[in-house]
Amino acid sequence: MRLSLHARRAAIRCAYIGLRVYWFLARPQLSGVKCIITHAEDVLLVRHTYGSRSWDLPGGQIRRREVPLETARREMNEELGRRIERDLVEIAEAEWFPRDALPDDLGRYVRPILARLTGP
């Protein structure tokens, strides 16, 4: 039996809350990647269905024995996929924004990461 998109998104939000509690108590060392996807002067930003609803760069956590490039490839396939019929459980929205007209509600790492891309 396949759960509806709404039910799967609710399950992800519940799991995320559980992970936040675990992270708070266990304080594990975690690493992750953020991916910058551009088209001309536009950058792709996403809103996740869990956690903060701010606009963020797509990315995710590095798995054990996974190198960052593999993580970036895996996350881009999981979050954005290439097939149009793919139901995106983790992504609520994805939009292109001009780099000089980003939305106000950005994730905390977006501006510092983009600044490194474009220079001072």
PDB file of N, CA and C in Angstrom:
ATOM      1  N   MET A   1       0.843  -1.180   0.000  1.00  0.00           N
ATOM      2  CA  MET A   1       0.000   0.000   0.000  1.00  0.00           C
ATOM      3  C   MET A   1       0.892   1.248   0.000  1.00  0.00           C
ATOM      4  N   ARG A   2       0.677   2.119  -0.950  1.00  0.00           N
ATOM      5  CA  ARG A   2       1.467   3.346  -1.067  1.00  0.00           C
ATOM      6  C   ARG A   2       0.724   4.485  -0.382  1.00  0.00           C
ATOM      7  N   LEU A   3       1.428   5.174   0.515  1.00  0.00           N
ATOM      8  CA  LEU A   3       0.839   6.305   1.232  1.00  0.00           C
ATOM      9  C   LEU A   3       0.724   7.508   0.309  1.00  0.00           C
ATOM     10  N   SER A   4      -0.232   8.362   0.578  1.00  0.00           N
ATOM     11  CA  SER A   4      -0.396   9.580  -0.206  1.00  0.00           C
ATOM     12  C   SER A   4       0.785  10.521   0.027  1.00  0.00           C
ATOM     13  N   LEU A   5       0.966  11.461  -0.878  1.00  0.00           N
ATOM     14  CA  LEU A   5       2.037  12.444  -0.739  1.00  0.00           C
ATOM     15  C   LEU A   5       1.883  13.205   0.571  1.00  0.00           C
ATOM     16  N   HIS A   6       0.656  13.569   0.925  1.00  0.00           N
ATOM     17  CA  HIS A   6       0.398  14.291   2.175  1.00  0.00           C
ATOM     18  C   HIS A   6       0.841  13.455   3.382  1.00  0.00           C
ATOM     19  N   ALA A   7       0.524  12.165   3.381  1.00  0.00           N
ATOM     20  CA  ALA A   7       0.895  11.289   4.499  1.00  0.00           C
ATOM     21  C   ALA A   7       2.402  11.099   4.575  1.00  0.00           C
ATOM     22  N   ARG A   8       3.066  10.961   3.421  1.00  0.00           N
ATOM     23  CA  ARG A   8       4.521  10.800   3.423  1.00  0.00           C
ATOM     24  C   ARG A   8       5.208  12.070   3.911  1.00  0.00           C
ATOM     25  N   ARG A   9       4.696  13.237   3.513  1.00  0.00           N
ATOM     26  CA  ARG A   9       5.267  14.496   3.993  1.00  0.00           C
ATOM     27  C   ARG A   9       5.064  14.640   5.501  1.00  0.00           C
ATOM     28  N   ALA A  10       3.912  14.236   6.015  1.00  0.00           N
ATOM     29  CA  ALA A  10       3.665  14.286   7.457  1.00  0.00           C
ATOM     30  C   ALA A  10       4.626  13.354   8.190  1.00  0.00           C
ATOM     31  N   ALA A  11       4.879  12.189   7.622  1.00  0.00           N
ATOM     32  CA  ALA A  11       5.819  11.246   8.233  1.00  0.00           C
ATOM     33  C   ALA A  11       7.232  11.832   8.273  1.00  0.00           C
ATOM     34  N   ILE A  12       7.630  12.522   7.213  1.00  0.00           N
ATOM     35  CA  ILE A  12       8.952  13.146   7.184  1.00  0.00           C
ATOM     36  C   ILE A  12       9.045  14.235   8.240  1.00  0.00           C
ATOM     37  N   ARG A  13       7.991  15.035   8.403  1.00  0.00           N
ATOM     38  CA  ARG A  13       8.009  16.081   9.435  1.00  0.00           C
ATOM     39  C   ARG A  13       8.133  15.471  10.828  1.00  0.00           C
ATOM     40  N   CYS A  14       7.429  14.374  11.087  1.00  0.00           N
ATOM     41  CA  CYS A  14       7.521  13.706  12.398  1.00  0.00           C
ATOM     42  C   CYS A  14       8.920  13.140  12.615  1.00  0.00           C
ATOM     43  N   ALA A  15       9.471  12.516  11.592  1.00  0.00           N
ATOM     44  CA  ALA A  15      10.825  11.972  11.703  1.00  0.00           C
ATOM     45  C   ALA A  15      11.834  13.093  11.951  1.00  0.00           C
ATOM     46  N   TYR A  16      11.644  14.232  11.308  1.00  0.00           N
ATOM     47  CA  TYR A  16      12.538  15.371  11.485  1.00  0.00           C
ATOM     48  C   TYR A  16      12.507  15.858  12.931  1.00  0.00           C
ATOM     49  N   ILE A  17      11.329  15.908  13.527  1.00  0.00           N
ATOM     50  CA  ILE A  17      11.210  16.309  14.934  1.00  0.00           C
ATOM     51  C   ILE A  17      11.962  15.322  15.826  1.00  0.00           C
ATOM     52  N   GLY A  18      11.792  14.033  15.551  1.00  0.00           N
ATOM     53  CA  GLY A  18      12.523  13.013  16.308  1.00  0.00           C
ATOM     54  C   GLY A  18      14.029  13.158  16.153  1.00  0.00           C
ATOM     55  N   LEU A  19      14.487  13.445  14.943  1.00  0.00           N
ATOM     56  CA  LEU A  19      15.914  13.658  14.715  1.00  0.00           C
ATOM     57  C   LEU A  19      16.429  14.878  15.468  1.00  0.00           C
ATOM     58  N   ARG A  20      15.640  15.943  15.505  1.00  0.00           N
ATOM     59  CA  ARG A  20      16.053  17.150  16.239  1.00  0.00           C
ATOM     60  C   ARG A  20      16.267  16.839  17.716  1.00  0.00           C
ATOM     61  N   VAL A  21      15.377  16.038  18.299  1.00  0.00           N
ATOM     62  CA  VAL A  21      15.527  15.634  19.704  1.00  0.00           C
ATOM     63  C   VAL A  21      16.796  14.800  19.865  1.00  0.00           C
ATOM     64  N   TYR A  22      16.999  13.844  18.970  1.00  0.00           N
ATOM     65  CA  TYR A  22      18.206  13.007  19.016  1.00  0.00           C
ATOM     66  C   TYR A  22      19.456  13.871  18.894  1.00  0.00           C
ATOM     67  N   TRP A  23      19.472  14.796  17.913  1.00  0.00           N
ATOM     68  CA  TRP A  23      20.639  15.663  17.717  1.00  0.00           C
ATOM     69  C   TRP A  23      20.912  16.503  18.959  1.00  0.00           C
ATOM     70  N   PHE A  24      19.854  16.980  19.617  1.00  0.00           N
ATOM     71  CA  PHE A  24      20.015  17.788  20.820  1.00  0.00           C
ATOM     72  C   PHE A  24      20.626  16.964  21.955  1.00  0.00           C
ATOM     73  N   LEU A  25      20.161  15.732  22.113  1.00  0.00           N
ATOM     74  CA  LEU A  25      20.629  14.890  23.216  1.00  0.00           C
ATOM     75  C   LEU A  25      21.992  14.254  22.938  1.00  0.00           C
ATOM     76  N   ALA A  26      22.190  13.719  21.744  1.00  0.00           N
ATOM     77  CA  ALA A  26      23.408  12.969  21.438  1.00  0.00           C
ATOM     78  C   ALA A  26      24.540  13.847  20.899  1.00  0.00           C
ATOM     79  N   ARG A  27      24.210  14.981  20.334  1.00  0.00           N
ATOM     80  CA  ARG A  27      25.197  15.900  19.739  1.00  0.00           C
ATOM     81  C   ARG A  27      26.158  15.176  18.784  1.00  0.00           C
ATOM     82  N   PRO A  28      25.630  14.449  17.792  1.00  0.00           N
ATOM     83  CA  PRO A  28      26.519  13.739  16.869  1.00  0.00           C
ATOM     84  C   PRO A  28      27.242  14.716  15.940  1.00  0.00           C
ATOM     85  N   GLN A  29      28.409  14.305  15.442  1.00  0.00           N
ATOM     86  CA  GLN A  29      29.151  15.094  14.460  1.00  0.00           C
ATOM     87  C   GLN A  29      28.527  14.811  13.095  1.00  0.00           C
ATOM     88  N   LEU A  30      27.964  15.813  12.474  1.00  0.00           N
ATOM     89  CA  LEU A  30      27.331  15.649  11.173  1.00  0.00           C
ATOM     90  C   LEU A  30      27.966  16.591  10.164  1.00  0.00           C
ATOM     91  N   SER A  31      27.998  16.154   8.926  1.00  0.00           N
ATOM     92  CA  SER A  31      28.458  16.993   7.828  1.00  0.00           C
ATOM     93  C   SER A  31      27.426  16.915   6.720  1.00  0.00           C
ATOM     94  N   GLY A  32      27.362  17.972   5.932  1.00  0.00           N
ATOM     95  CA  GLY A  32      26.394  17.989   4.849  1.00  0.00           C
ATOM     96  C   GLY A  32      26.895  18.794   3.673  1.00  0.00           C
ATOM     97  N   VAL A  33      26.077  18.831   2.638  1.00  0.00           N
ATOM     98  CA  VAL A  33      26.405  19.596   1.442  1.00  0.00           C
ATOM     99  C   VAL A  33      25.247  20.537   1.107  1.00  0.00           C
ATOM    100  N   LYS A  34      25.589  21.646   0.489  1.00  0.00           N
ATOM    101  CA  LYS A  34      24.624  22.563  -0.114  1.00  0.00           C
ATOM    102  C   LYS A  34      25.049  22.688  -1.565  1.00  0.00           C
ATOM    103  N   CYS A  35      24.109  22.624  -2.477  1.00  0.00           N
ATOM    104  CA  CYS A  35      24.409  22.652  -3.904  1.00  0.00           C
ATOM    105  C   CYS A  35      23.912  23.946  -4.532  1.00  0.00           C
ATOM    106  N   ILE A  36      24.779  24.585  -5.298  1.00  0.00           N
ATOM    107  CA  ILE A  36      24.409  25.803  -6.006  1.00  0.00           C
ATOM    108  C   ILE A  36      24.112  25.421  -7.445  1.00  0.00           C
ATOM    109  N   ILE A  37      22.869  25.615  -7.836  1.00  0.00           N
ATOM    110  CA  ILE A  37      22.446  25.331  -9.201  1.00  0.00           C
ATOM    111  C   ILE A  37      22.061  26.662  -9.821  1.00  0.00           C
ATOM    112  N   THR A  38      22.761  27.023 -10.897  1.00  0.00           N
ATOM    113  CA  THR A  38      22.529  28.320 -11.516  1.00  0.00           C
ATOM    114  C   THR A  38      22.137  28.162 -12.972  1.00  0.00           C
ATOM    115  N   HIS A  39      21.475  29.190 -13.465  1.00  0.00           N
ATOM    116  CA  HIS A  39      21.168  29.337 -14.886  1.00  0.00           C
ATOM    117  C   HIS A  39      21.332  30.817 -15.187  1.00  0.00           C
ATOM    118  N   ALA A  40      22.387  31.144 -15.923  1.00  0.00           N
ATOM    119  CA  ALA A  40      22.745  32.549 -16.163  1.00  0.00           C
ATOM    120  C   ALA A  40      22.941  33.226 -14.806  1.00  0.00           C
ATOM    121  N   GLU A  41      22.176  34.253 -14.493  1.00  0.00           N
ATOM    122  CA  GLU A  41      22.318  34.965 -13.213  1.00  0.00           C
ATOM    123  C   GLU A  41      21.298  34.512 -12.165  1.00  0.00           C
ATOM    124  N   ASP A  42      20.551  33.461 -12.457  1.00  0.00           N
ATOM    125  CA  ASP A  42      19.547  32.954 -11.517  1.00  0.00           C
ATOM    126  C   ASP A  42      20.095  31.776 -10.719  1.00  0.00           C
ATOM    127  N   VAL A  43      19.584  31.628  -9.513  1.00  0.00           N
ATOM    128  CA  VAL A  43      19.976  30.518  -8.649  1.00  0.00           C
ATOM    129  C   VAL A  43      18.704  29.778  -8.223  1.00  0.00           C
ATOM    130  N   LEU A  44      18.797  28.452  -8.141  1.00  0.00           N
ATOM    131  CA  LEU A  44      17.660  27.632  -7.747  1.00  0.00           C
ATOM    132  C   LEU A  44      17.606  27.525  -6.229  1.00  0.00           C
ATOM    133  N   LEU A  45      16.458  27.883  -5.654  1.00  0.00           N
ATOM    134  CA  LEU A  45      16.228  27.751  -4.214  1.00  0.00           C
ATOM    135  C   LEU A  45      15.018  26.855  -3.991  1.00  0.00           C
ATOM    136  N   VAL A  46      15.002  26.168  -2.850  1.00  0.00           N
ATOM    137  CA  VAL A  46      13.914  25.253  -2.519  1.00  0.00           C
ATOM    138  C   VAL A  46      13.360  25.556  -1.133  1.00  0.00           C
ATOM    139  N   ARG A  47      12.128  25.155  -0.934  1.00  0.00           N
ATOM    140  CA  ARG A  47      11.512  25.150   0.402  1.00  0.00           C
ATOM    141  C   ARG A  47      11.251  23.682   0.743  1.00  0.00           C
ATOM    142  N   HIS A  48      11.779  23.251   1.880  1.00  0.00           N
ATOM    143  CA  HIS A  48      11.563  21.870   2.302  1.00  0.00           C
ATOM    144  C   HIS A  48      10.189  21.715   2.955  1.00  0.00           C
ATOM    145  N   THR A  49       9.704  20.498   2.985  1.00  0.00           N
ATOM    146  CA  THR A  49       8.414  20.211   3.614  1.00  0.00           C
ATOM    147  C   THR A  49       8.562  19.990   5.115  1.00  0.00           C
ATOM    148  N   TYR A  50       9.777  20.011   5.616  1.00  0.00           N
ATOM    149  CA  TYR A  50      10.055  19.796   7.039  1.00  0.00           C
ATOM    150  C   TYR A  50      10.977  20.914   7.521  1.00  0.00           C
ATOM    151  N   GLY A  51      11.105  21.071   8.816  1.00  0.00           N
ATOM    152  CA  GLY A  51      11.994  22.093   9.373  1.00  0.00           C
ATOM    153  C   GLY A  51      11.555  23.488   8.998  1.00  0.00           C
ATOM    154  N   SER A  52      12.513  24.378   8.875  1.00  0.00           N
ATOM    155  CA  SER A  52      12.234  25.764   8.510  1.00  0.00           C
ATOM    156  C   SER A  52      11.657  25.828   7.107  1.00  0.00           C
ATOM    157  N   ARG A  53      10.711  26.710   6.890  1.00  0.00           N
ATOM    158  CA  ARG A  53      10.099  26.859   5.568  1.00  0.00           C
ATOM    159  C   ARG A  53      10.774  27.962   4.752  1.00  0.00           C
ATOM    160  N   SER A  54      11.955  28.397   5.179  1.00  0.00           N
ATOM    161  CA  SER A  54      12.665  29.444   4.451  1.00  0.00           C
ATOM    162  C   SER A  54      13.244  28.882   3.150  1.00  0.00           C
ATOM    163  N   TRP A  55      13.521  29.772   2.221  1.00  0.00           N
ATOM    164  CA  TRP A  55      14.148  29.386   0.958  1.00  0.00           C
ATOM    165  C   TRP A  55      15.593  28.991   1.241  1.00  0.00           C
ATOM    166  N   ASP A  56      16.028  27.873   0.672  1.00  0.00           N
ATOM    167  CA  ASP A  56      17.355  27.356   0.950  1.00  0.00           C
ATOM    168  C   ASP A  56      17.958  26.754  -0.315  1.00  0.00           C
ATOM    169  N   LEU A  57      19.243  26.499  -0.262  1.00  0.00           N
ATOM    170  CA  LEU A  57      19.906  25.762  -1.329  1.00  0.00           C
ATOM    171  C   LEU A  57      19.593  24.277  -1.132  1.00  0.00           C
ATOM    172  N   PRO A  58      19.396  23.530  -2.209  1.00  0.00           N
ATOM    173  CA  PRO A  58      19.181  22.094  -2.036  1.00  0.00           C
ATOM    174  C   PRO A  58      20.445  21.429  -1.516  1.00  0.00           C
ATOM    175  N   GLY A  59      20.282  20.359  -0.779  1.00  0.00           N
ATOM    176  CA  GLY A  59      21.431  19.632  -0.237  1.00  0.00           C
ATOM    177  C   GLY A  59      20.987  18.640   0.807  1.00  0.00           C
ATOM    178  N   GLY A  60      21.944  18.123   1.555  1.00  0.00           N
ATOM    179  CA  GLY A  60      21.596  17.156   2.584  1.00  0.00           C
ATOM    180  C   GLY A  60      22.802  16.637   3.337  1.00  0.00           C
ATOM    181  N   GLN A  61      22.555  15.658   4.176  1.00  0.00           N
ATOM    182  CA  GLN A  61      23.571  15.102   5.069  1.00  0.00           C
ATOM    183  C   GLN A  61      24.442  14.083   4.358  1.00  0.00           C
ATOM    184  N   ILE A  62      25.739  14.128   4.664  1.00  0.00           N
ATOM    185  CA  ILE A  62      26.688  13.157   4.123  1.00  0.00           C
ATOM    186  C   ILE A  62      26.547  11.853   4.903  1.00  0.00           C
ATOM    187  N   ARG A  63      26.365  10.764   4.172  1.00  0.00           N
ATOM    188  CA  ARG A  63      26.258   9.444   4.808  1.00  0.00           C
ATOM    189  C   ARG A  63      27.648   8.885   5.116  1.00  0.00           C
ATOM    190  N   ARG A  64      27.675   7.907   6.005  1.00  0.00           N
ATOM    191  CA  ARG A  64      28.943   7.261   6.378  1.00  0.00           C
ATOM    192  C   ARG A  64      29.621   6.697   5.134  1.00  0.00           C
ATOM    193  N   ARG A  65      30.912   6.937   5.014  1.00  0.00           N
ATOM    194  CA  ARG A  65      31.757   6.483   3.902  1.00  0.00           C
ATOM    195  C   ARG A  65      31.333   7.068   2.553  1.00  0.00           C
ATOM    196  N   GLU A  66      30.665   8.195   2.564  1.00  0.00           N
ATOM    197  CA  GLU A  66      30.254   8.856   1.324  1.00  0.00           C
ATOM    198  C   GLU A  66      31.070  10.139   1.190  1.00  0.00           C
ATOM    199  N   VAL A  67      31.600  10.383   0.018  1.00  0.00           N
ATOM    200  CA  VAL A  67      32.346  11.624  -0.204  1.00  0.00           C
ATOM    201  C   VAL A  67      31.346  12.720  -0.587  1.00  0.00           C
ATOM    202  N   PRO A  68      31.683  13.988  -0.305  1.00  0.00           N
ATOM    203  CA  PRO A  68      30.729  15.082  -0.561  1.00  0.00           C
ATOM    204  C   PRO A  68      30.172  15.126  -1.977  1.00  0.00           C
ATOM    205  N   LEU A  69      30.981  14.831  -2.991  1.00  0.00           N
ATOM    206  CA  LEU A  69      30.474  14.861  -4.362  1.00  0.00           C
ATOM    207  C   LEU A  69      29.376  13.814  -4.567  1.00  0.00           C
ATOM    208  N   GLU A  70      29.559  12.628  -3.989  1.00  0.00           N
ATOM    209  CA  GLU A  70      28.521  11.591  -4.071  1.00  0.00           C
ATOM    210  C   GLU A  70      27.255  12.043  -3.353  1.00  0.00           C
ATOM    211  N   THR A  71      27.413  12.713  -2.211  1.00  0.00           N
ATOM    212  CA  THR A  71      26.259  13.229  -1.476  1.00  0.00           C
ATOM    213  C   THR A  71      25.496  14.230  -2.325  1.00  0.00           C
ATOM    214  N   ALA A  72      26.227  15.149  -2.955  1.00  0.00           N
ATOM    215  CA  ALA A  72      25.574  16.159  -3.800  1.00  0.00           C
ATOM    216  C   ALA A  72      24.794  15.499  -4.924  1.00  0.00           C
ATOM    217  N   ARG A  73      25.388  14.516  -5.582  1.00  0.00           N
ATOM    218  CA  ARG A  73      24.685  13.813  -6.666  1.00  0.00           C
ATOM    219  C   ARG A  73      23.440  13.098  -6.144  1.00  0.00           C
ATOM    220  N   ARG A  74      23.583  12.398  -5.028  1.00  0.00           N
ATOM    221  CA  ARG A  74      22.449  11.662  -4.459  1.00  0.00           C
ATOM    222  C   ARG A  74      21.327  12.615  -4.061  1.00  0.00           C
ATOM    223  N   GLU A  75      21.683  13.702  -3.362  1.00  0.00           N
ATOM    224  CA  GLU A  75      20.672  14.643  -2.902  1.00  0.00           C
ATOM    225  C   GLU A  75      19.959  15.330  -4.062  1.00  0.00           C
ATOM    226  N   MET A  76      20.688  15.675  -5.103  1.00  0.00           N
ATOM    227  CA  MET A  76      20.046  16.318  -6.250  1.00  0.00           C
ATOM    228  C   MET A  76      19.067  15.363  -6.913  1.00  0.00           C
ATOM    229  N   ASN A  77      19.419  14.080  -6.955  1.00  0.00           N
ATOM    230  CA  ASN A  77      18.492  13.099  -7.515  1.00  0.00           C
ATOM    231  C   ASN A  77      17.284  12.916  -6.597  1.00  0.00           C
ATOM    232  N   GLU A  78      17.522  12.816  -5.271  1.00  0.00           N
ATOM    233  CA  GLU A  78      16.421  12.613  -4.324  1.00  0.00           C
ATOM    234  C   GLU A  78      15.499  13.823  -4.256  1.00  0.00           C
ATOM    235  N   GLU A  79      16.067  15.033  -4.184  1.00  0.00           N
ATOM    236  CA  GLU A  79      15.258  16.223  -3.959  1.00  0.00           C
ATOM    237  C   GLU A  79      14.657  16.796  -5.233  1.00  0.00           C
ATOM    238  N   LEU A  80      15.418  16.786  -6.319  1.00  0.00           N
ATOM    239  CA  LEU A  80      14.945  17.457  -7.525  1.00  0.00           C
ATOM    240  C   LEU A  80      14.563  16.501  -8.637  1.00  0.00           C
ATOM    241  N   GLY A  81      15.252  15.374  -8.724  1.00  0.00           N
ATOM    242  CA  GLY A  81      14.937  14.384  -9.739  1.00  0.00           C
ATOM    243  C   GLY A  81      14.909  14.979 -11.140  1.00  0.00           C
ATOM    244  N   ARG A  82      14.783  14.142 -12.126  1.00  0.00           N
ATOM    245  CA  ARG A  82      14.699  14.632 -13.499  1.00  0.00           C
ATOM    246  C   ARG A  82      13.361  14.335 -14.116  1.00  0.00           C
ATOM    247  N   ARG A  83      12.658  13.353 -13.602  1.00  0.00           N
ATOM    248  CA  ARG A  83      11.372  12.980 -14.183  1.00  0.00           C
ATOM    249  C   ARG A  83      10.295  13.924 -13.686  1.00  0.00           C
ATOM    250  N   ILE A  84       9.522  14.443 -14.583  1.00  0.00           N
ATOM    251  CA  ILE A  84       8.500  15.427 -14.230  1.00  0.00           C
ATOM    252  C   ILE A  84       7.394  14.818 -13.368  1.00  0.00           C
ATOM    253  N   GLU A  85       7.148  13.506 -13.519  1.00  0.00           N
ATOM    254  CA  GLU A  85       6.083  12.876 -12.744  1.00  0.00           C
ATOM    255  C   GLU A  85       6.496  12.558 -11.320  1.00  0.00           C
ATOM    256  N   ARG A  86       7.749  12.787 -10.968  1.00  0.00           N
ATOM    257  CA  ARG A  86       8.239  12.463  -9.624  1.00  0.00           C
ATOM    258  C   ARG A  86       7.510  13.291  -8.572  1.00  0.00           C
ATOM    259  N   ASP A  87       6.986  12.634  -7.536  1.00  0.00           N
ATOM    260  CA  ASP A  87       6.366  13.377  -6.446  1.00  0.00           C
ATOM    261  C   ASP A  87       7.439  13.697  -5.413  1.00  0.00           C
ATOM    262  N   LEU A  88       7.658  14.952  -5.197  1.00  0.00           N
ATOM    263  CA  LEU A  88       8.767  15.401  -4.358  1.00  0.00           C
ATOM    264  C   LEU A  88       8.318  15.516  -2.903  1.00  0.00           C
ATOM    265  N   VAL A  89       8.610  14.490  -2.134  1.00  0.00           N
ATOM    266  CA  VAL A  89       8.182  14.423  -0.746  1.00  0.00           C
ATOM    267  C   VAL A  89       8.909  15.457   0.111  1.00  0.00           C
ATOM    268  N   GLU A  90      10.192  15.677  -0.158  1.00  0.00           N
ATOM    269  CA  GLU A  90      10.980  16.576   0.676  1.00  0.00           C
ATOM    270  C   GLU A  90      10.883  18.038   0.268  1.00  0.00           C
ATOM    271  N   ILE A  91      10.486  18.324  -0.955  1.00  0.00           N
ATOM    272  CA  ILE A  91      10.482  19.693  -1.469  1.00  0.00           C
ATOM    273  C   ILE A  91       9.049  20.182  -1.650  1.00  0.00           C
ATOM    274  N   ALA A  92       8.730  21.303  -0.995  1.00  0.00           N
ATOM    275  CA  ALA A  92       7.408  21.915  -1.151  1.00  0.00           C
ATOM    276  C   ALA A  92       7.380  22.813  -2.384  1.00  0.00           C
ATOM    277  N   GLU A  93       8.472  23.545  -2.622  1.00  0.00           N
ATOM    278  CA  GLU A  93       8.575  24.457  -3.765  1.00  0.00           C
ATOM    279  C   GLU A  93      10.013  24.526  -4.227  1.00  0.00           C
ATOM    280  N   ALA A  94      10.186  24.825  -5.498  1.00  0.00           N
ATOM    281  CA  ALA A  94      11.502  25.108  -6.065  1.00  0.00           C
ATOM    282  C   ALA A  94      11.304  26.231  -7.076  1.00  0.00           C
ATOM    283  N   GLU A  95      12.123  27.272  -6.960  1.00  0.00           N
ATOM    284  CA  GLU A  95      12.001  28.421  -7.858  1.00  0.00           C
ATOM    285  C   GLU A  95      13.361  29.000  -8.176  1.00  0.00           C
ATOM    286  N   TRP A  96      13.438  29.639  -9.345  1.00  0.00           N
ATOM    287  CA  TRP A  96      14.631  30.372  -9.756  1.00  0.00           C
ATOM    288  C   TRP A  96      14.503  31.811  -9.286  1.00  0.00           C
ATOM    289  N   PHE A  97      15.598  32.339  -8.733  1.00  0.00           N
ATOM    290  CA  PHE A  97      15.636  33.732  -8.286  1.00  0.00           C
ATOM    291  C   PHE A  97      16.883  34.405  -8.842  1.00  0.00           C
ATOM    292  N   PRO A  98      16.770  35.659  -9.307  1.00  0.00           N
ATOM    293  CA  PRO A  98      17.972  36.394  -9.686  1.00  0.00           C
ATOM    294  C   PRO A  98      18.864  36.560  -8.445  1.00  0.00           C
ATOM    295  N   ARG A  99      20.150  36.426  -8.613  1.00  0.00           N
ATOM    296  CA  ARG A  99      21.064  36.525  -7.461  1.00  0.00           C
ATOM    297  C   ARG A  99      20.976  37.877  -6.768  1.00  0.00           C
ATOM    298  N   ASP A 100      20.608  38.916  -7.520  1.00  0.00           N
ATOM    299  CA  ASP A 100      20.517  40.245  -6.905  1.00  0.00           C
ATOM    300  C   ASP A 100      19.104  40.565  -6.416  1.00  0.00           C
ATOM    301  N   ALA A 101      18.187  39.595  -6.436  1.00  0.00           N
ATOM    302  CA  ALA A 101      16.813  39.811  -5.960  1.00  0.00           C
ATOM    303  C   ALA A 101      16.320  38.560  -5.229  1.00  0.00           C
ATOM    304  N   LEU A 102      17.093  38.114  -4.247  1.00  0.00           N
ATOM    305  CA  LEU A 102      16.723  36.919  -3.483  1.00  0.00           C
ATOM    306  C   LEU A 102      15.582  37.247  -2.524  1.00  0.00           C
ATOM    307  N   PRO A 103      14.752  36.275  -2.179  1.00  0.00           N
ATOM    308  CA  PRO A 103      13.669  36.529  -1.223  1.00  0.00           C
ATOM    309  C   PRO A 103      14.219  36.854   0.164  1.00  0.00           C
ATOM    310  N   ASP A 104      13.413  37.514   0.984  1.00  0.00           N
ATOM    311  CA  ASP A 104      13.843  37.900   2.335  1.00  0.00           C
ATOM    312  C   ASP A 104      13.997  36.712   3.271  1.00  0.00           C
ATOM    313  N   ASP A 105      13.136  35.720   3.146  1.00  0.00           N
ATOM    314  CA  ASP A 105      13.147  34.583   4.077  1.00  0.00           C
ATOM    315  C   ASP A 105      14.083  33.476   3.576  1.00  0.00           C
ATOM    316  N   LEU A 106      15.392  33.727   3.699  1.00  0.00           N
ATOM    317  CA  LEU A 106      16.419  32.782   3.263  1.00  0.00           C
ATOM    318  C   LEU A 106      16.926  31.948   4.430  1.00  0.00           C
ATOM    319  N   GLY A 107      17.353  30.723   4.132  1.00  0.00           N
ATOM    320  CA  GLY A 107      18.045  29.904   5.116  1.00  0.00           C
ATOM    321  C   GLY A 107      19.350  30.582   5.502  1.00  0.00           C
ATOM    322  N   ARG A 108      19.867  30.265   6.673  1.00  0.00           N
ATOM    323  CA  ARG A 108      21.013  31.010   7.208  1.00  0.00           C
ATOM    324  C   ARG A 108      22.303  30.841   6.426  1.00  0.00           C
ATOM    325  N   TYR A 109      22.435  29.804   5.613  1.00  0.00           N
ATOM    326  CA  TYR A 109      23.681  29.590   4.888  1.00  0.00           C
ATOM    327  C   TYR A 109      23.649  30.094   3.446  1.00  0.00           C
ATOM    328  N   VAL A 110      22.499  30.490   2.943  1.00  0.00           N
ATOM    329  CA  VAL A 110      22.380  30.837   1.524  1.00  0.00           C
ATOM    330  C   VAL A 110      23.278  32.016   1.154  1.00  0.00           C
ATOM    331  N   ARG A 111      23.126  33.147   1.840  1.00  0.00           N
ATOM    332  CA  ARG A 111      23.921  34.335   1.475  1.00  0.00           C
ATOM    333  C   ARG A 111      25.430  34.105   1.621  1.00  0.00           C
ATOM    334  N   PRO A 112      25.910  33.512   2.744  1.00  0.00           N
ATOM    335  CA  PRO A 112      27.356  33.273   2.852  1.00  0.00           C
ATOM    336  C   PRO A 112      27.894  32.347   1.752  1.00  0.00           C
ATOM    337  N   ILE A 113      27.133  31.327   1.387  1.00  0.00           N
ATOM    338  CA  ILE A 113      27.590  30.413   0.341  1.00  0.00           C
ATOM    339  C   ILE A 113      27.611  31.112  -1.009  1.00  0.00           C
ATOM    340  N   LEU A 114      26.553  31.853  -1.335  1.00  0.00           N
ATOM    341  CA  LEU A 114      26.514  32.567  -2.608  1.00  0.00           C
ATOM    342  C   LEU A 114      27.584  33.651  -2.668  1.00  0.00           C
ATOM    343  N   ALA A 115      27.905  34.262  -1.539  1.00  0.00           N
ATOM    344  CA  ALA A 115      28.958  35.279  -1.513  1.00  0.00           C
ATOM    345  C   ALA A 115      30.306  34.657  -1.885  1.00  0.00           C
ATOM    346  N   ARG A 116      30.545  33.442  -1.467  1.00  0.00           N
ATOM    347  CA  ARG A 116      31.801  32.761  -1.816  1.00  0.00           C
ATOM    348  C   ARG A 116      31.858  32.446  -3.302  1.00  0.00           C
ATOM    349  N   LEU A 117      30.705  32.214  -3.903  1.00  0.00           N
ATOM    350  CA  LEU A 117      30.643  31.921  -5.328  1.00  0.00           C
ATOM    351  C   LEU A 117      30.937  33.158  -6.160  1.00  0.00           C
ATOM    352  N   THR A 118      30.363  34.293  -5.750  1.00  0.00           N
ATOM    353  CA  THR A 118      30.484  35.506  -6.543  1.00  0.00           C
ATOM    354  C   THR A 118      31.661  36.379  -6.142  1.00  0.00           C
ATOM    355  N   GLY A 119      32.247  36.142  -4.988  1.00  0.00           N
ATOM    356  CA  GLY A 119      33.387  36.937  -4.528  1.00  0.00           C
ATOM    357  C   GLY A 119      32.927  38.229  -3.864  1.00  0.00           C
ATOM    358  N   PRO A 120      33.877  38.996  -3.262  1.00  0.00           N
ATOM    359  CA  PRO A 120      33.509  40.203  -2.525  1.00  0.00           C
ATOM    360  C   PRO A 120      33.087  41.333  -3.448  1.00  0.00           C
TER     361      PRO A 120
END
